[in-house]
């Protein structure tokens, strides 16, 4: 009998610590949505922060896609405007970058290229001349034959705008790594 009572007391203790109650309303102690101890204001603040993070992530992905599309279309001014001064090279200015890339030749713009971001952003530590940033996997699919090219990009937020600071081609063999974006950006200080 003592053993049964001890088990019952232990089970009740575990349930109490876990926050389980028989009330079933999920609003014990001012909590909301089944989160004991979380006020409505705290919940609303957390929701607002999550919306802001999602908006910021969408802006970062958009900048990476616009940069890649500008690169493929040989739109040098747009491409350079989406680079950090370090990535631009030379004196770091927009005009200097545009002049540098125009001197390399325009070439033939790519056709039928679809650009997308794969996977989730990852934190990337600083290396060489590159600051801490966020890594993305950008995928380019070209033409009817569906040729695929992947690039890891280090994105850095400067003055409220997301910019490309580093771009490295991801090889097929890199894709088997646990985190190909981080691995490629950290081994290649370009």
Protein backbone atom coordinates (compact mmCIF):
# COMPACT_ATOMS: atom_id res chain seq x y z
CA UNK A 1 0.00 0.00 0.00
CA UNK A 2 2.85 2.37 0.80
CA UNK A 3 4.36 1.73 -2.62
CA UNK A 4 1.09 2.64 -4.39
CA UNK A 5 0.77 5.84 -2.35
CA UNK A 6 4.37 6.81 -3.13
CA UNK A 7 3.79 6.27 -6.86
CA UNK A 8 0.62 8.36 -6.73
CA UNK A 9 2.41 11.21 -4.93
CA UNK A 10 5.28 11.09 -7.44
CA UNK A 11 2.87 11.15 -10.39
CA UNK A 12 0.98 14.10 -8.94
CA UNK A 13 4.26 15.96 -8.39
CA UNK A 14 5.35 15.40 -11.99
CA UNK A 15 2.01 16.65 -13.30
CA UNK A 16 2.15 19.72 -11.08
CA UNK A 17 5.69 20.56 -12.21
CA UNK A 18 4.71 20.03 -15.86
CA UNK A 19 1.93 22.55 -15.44
CA UNK A 20 -0.94 20.12 -15.91
CA UNK A 21 -4.16 20.93 -14.16
CA UNK A 22 -7.66 19.62 -14.22
CA UNK A 23 -9.15 23.02 -15.02
CA UNK A 24 -8.54 22.50 -18.78
CA UNK A 25 -8.94 26.19 -19.64
CA UNK A 26 -5.22 26.79 -20.18
CA UNK A 27 -5.48 30.22 -18.55
CA UNK A 28 -4.19 29.45 -15.10
CA UNK A 29 -2.38 32.41 -13.53
CA UNK A 30 -3.30 34.80 -16.37
CA UNK A 31 -1.80 32.60 -19.09
CA UNK A 32 -3.13 32.27 -22.60
CA UNK A 33 -3.33 29.49 -25.14
CA UNK A 34 -2.26 26.80 -22.73
CA UNK A 35 0.93 28.58 -21.64
CA UNK A 36 0.75 28.99 -17.87
CA UNK A 37 2.31 32.22 -16.70
CA UNK A 38 2.33 33.90 -20.14
CA UNK A 39 0.22 37.04 -20.22
CA UNK A 40 -1.77 38.20 -23.20
CA UNK A 41 0.65 41.13 -23.65
CA UNK A 42 3.68 38.82 -23.64
CA UNK A 43 2.01 36.59 -26.19
CA UNK A 44 1.15 39.56 -28.45
CA UNK A 45 4.72 40.89 -28.15
CA UNK A 46 6.14 37.46 -29.09
CA UNK A 47 3.78 37.28 -32.08
CA UNK A 48 4.84 40.78 -33.23
CA UNK A 49 8.53 39.84 -32.91
CA UNK A 50 7.95 36.65 -34.93
CA UNK A 51 6.19 38.64 -37.67
CA UNK A 52 9.10 41.14 -37.74
CA UNK A 53 11.67 38.31 -38.01
CA UNK A 54 9.69 36.73 -40.87
CA UNK A 55 9.49 40.10 -42.67
CA UNK A 56 13.25 40.64 -42.23
CA UNK A 57 14.03 37.12 -43.51
CA UNK A 58 11.82 37.71 -46.57
CA UNK A 59 13.70 40.99 -47.28
CA UNK A 60 17.05 39.17 -47.01
CA UNK A 61 15.95 36.41 -49.41
CA UNK A 62 14.55 39.01 -51.81
CA UNK A 63 17.90 40.85 -51.88
CA UNK A 64 19.76 37.59 -52.64
CA UNK A 65 17.35 36.72 -55.46
CA UNK A 66 17.49 40.26 -56.94
CA UNK A 67 21.31 40.18 -56.82
CA UNK A 68 21.42 36.84 -58.63
CA UNK A 69 18.89 37.91 -61.26
CA UNK A 70 20.88 41.11 -61.87
CA UNK A 71 24.08 39.05 -62.19
CA UNK A 72 22.47 36.71 -64.73
CA UNK A 73 20.96 39.64 -66.69
CA UNK A 74 24.28 41.57 -66.63
CA UNK A 75 22.51 44.43 -64.84
CA UNK A 76 25.75 45.67 -63.29
CA UNK A 77 24.33 48.73 -61.48
CA UNK A 78 21.65 46.69 -59.66
CA UNK A 79 24.11 43.92 -58.87
CA UNK A 80 26.66 46.36 -57.40
CA UNK A 81 23.98 48.18 -55.39
CA UNK A 82 23.22 44.89 -53.62
CA UNK A 83 26.88 44.27 -52.60
CA UNK A 84 28.73 45.37 -49.48
CA UNK A 85 31.63 47.80 -50.13
CA UNK A 86 34.01 44.89 -49.38
CA UNK A 87 32.38 42.71 -52.05
CA UNK A 88 32.43 45.58 -54.55
CA UNK A 89 36.23 45.72 -54.34
CA UNK A 90 38.41 48.65 -55.33
CA UNK A 91 37.40 51.77 -53.41
CA UNK A 92 34.09 50.14 -52.40
CA UNK A 93 32.00 52.71 -54.23
CA UNK A 94 28.98 51.89 -56.36
CA UNK A 95 30.40 53.75 -59.39
CA UNK A 96 33.78 52.02 -59.03
CA UNK A 97 32.08 48.63 -58.91
CA UNK A 98 29.95 49.41 -61.96
CA UNK A 99 33.00 50.56 -63.91
CA UNK A 100 34.96 47.42 -62.90
CA UNK A 101 32.25 45.02 -64.03
CA UNK A 102 31.48 46.94 -67.22
CA UNK A 103 35.17 46.71 -68.15
CA UNK A 104 34.97 42.93 -67.83
CA UNK A 105 32.47 42.91 -70.66
CA UNK A 106 28.76 42.50 -70.74
CA UNK A 107 28.64 39.06 -72.30
CA UNK A 108 25.32 37.55 -73.22
CA UNK A 109 22.64 37.72 -70.54
CA UNK A 110 21.37 34.36 -69.34
CA UNK A 111 17.99 33.28 -70.59
CA UNK A 112 15.22 31.36 -68.94
CA UNK A 113 16.78 31.38 -65.50
CA UNK A 114 14.70 30.71 -62.42
CA UNK A 115 16.21 31.87 -59.13
CA UNK A 116 15.09 30.64 -55.71
CA UNK A 117 16.34 30.29 -52.14
CA UNK A 118 16.62 26.76 -50.76
CA UNK A 119 16.43 25.86 -47.09
CA UNK A 120 16.60 28.10 -44.07
CA UNK A 121 19.07 30.89 -43.33
CA UNK A 122 22.03 29.95 -41.12
CA UNK A 123 24.29 32.06 -38.92
CA UNK A 124 27.80 32.36 -40.33
CA UNK A 125 30.80 33.40 -38.23
CA UNK A 126 33.28 36.01 -39.46
CA UNK A 127 36.23 34.80 -41.53
CA UNK A 128 38.98 36.78 -43.26
CA UNK A 129 37.56 40.09 -44.45
CA UNK A 130 33.96 38.89 -44.09
CA UNK A 131 31.91 39.92 -41.03
CA UNK A 132 29.42 37.76 -39.20
CA UNK A 133 26.37 37.29 -41.37
CA UNK A 134 23.59 35.01 -42.46
CA UNK A 135 24.13 32.30 -45.06
CA UNK A 136 21.65 31.40 -47.78
CA UNK A 137 21.59 28.76 -50.52
CA UNK A 138 20.58 30.36 -53.82
CA UNK A 139 19.61 28.04 -56.66
CA UNK A 140 19.63 28.94 -60.36
CA UNK A 141 17.80 26.66 -62.79
CA UNK A 142 18.54 27.38 -66.43
CA UNK A 143 16.58 26.49 -69.55
CA UNK A 144 14.56 23.48 -70.58
CA UNK A 145 17.43 21.09 -69.75
CA UNK A 146 17.11 22.23 -66.12
CA UNK A 147 20.79 22.89 -65.50
CA UNK A 148 21.17 23.69 -61.79
CA UNK A 149 23.76 25.92 -60.13
CA UNK A 150 23.85 26.56 -56.39
CA UNK A 151 25.67 29.34 -54.58
CA UNK A 152 26.11 30.02 -50.90
CA UNK A 153 25.76 33.71 -50.08
CA UNK A 154 26.80 35.56 -46.94
CA UNK A 155 24.21 38.26 -46.35
CA UNK A 156 24.99 41.24 -44.11
CA UNK A 157 22.54 43.88 -42.93
CA UNK A 158 23.93 47.41 -43.28
CA UNK A 159 21.93 50.60 -42.70
CA UNK A 160 18.70 48.58 -42.68
CA UNK A 161 19.34 46.86 -46.03
CA UNK A 162 20.48 43.31 -46.75
CA UNK A 163 23.59 43.10 -48.95
CA UNK A 164 25.68 40.29 -50.44
CA UNK A 165 29.13 40.14 -48.85
CA UNK A 166 30.35 36.76 -50.14
CA UNK A 167 29.27 34.37 -52.88
CA UNK A 168 30.74 30.88 -53.33
CA UNK A 169 29.70 28.16 -55.76
CA UNK A 170 28.40 25.03 -54.03
CA UNK A 171 29.62 21.87 -55.74
CA UNK A 172 27.65 18.63 -55.86
CA UNK A 173 30.03 17.03 -53.35
CA UNK A 174 29.42 19.93 -50.93
CA UNK A 175 25.73 19.04 -50.75
CA UNK A 176 26.41 15.95 -48.63
CA UNK A 177 27.75 18.08 -45.75
CA UNK A 178 25.55 18.58 -42.71
CA UNK A 179 25.30 22.30 -43.50
CA UNK A 180 26.68 22.99 -46.99
CA UNK A 181 26.08 26.76 -46.81
CA UNK A 182 28.06 27.24 -43.61
CA UNK A 183 30.80 24.80 -44.67
CA UNK A 184 31.37 26.49 -48.04
CA UNK A 185 31.33 30.04 -46.68
CA UNK A 186 33.69 29.19 -43.81
CA UNK A 187 36.31 27.39 -45.88
CA UNK A 188 36.46 29.95 -48.64
CA UNK A 189 37.50 33.37 -47.36
CA UNK A 190 37.69 34.71 -50.98
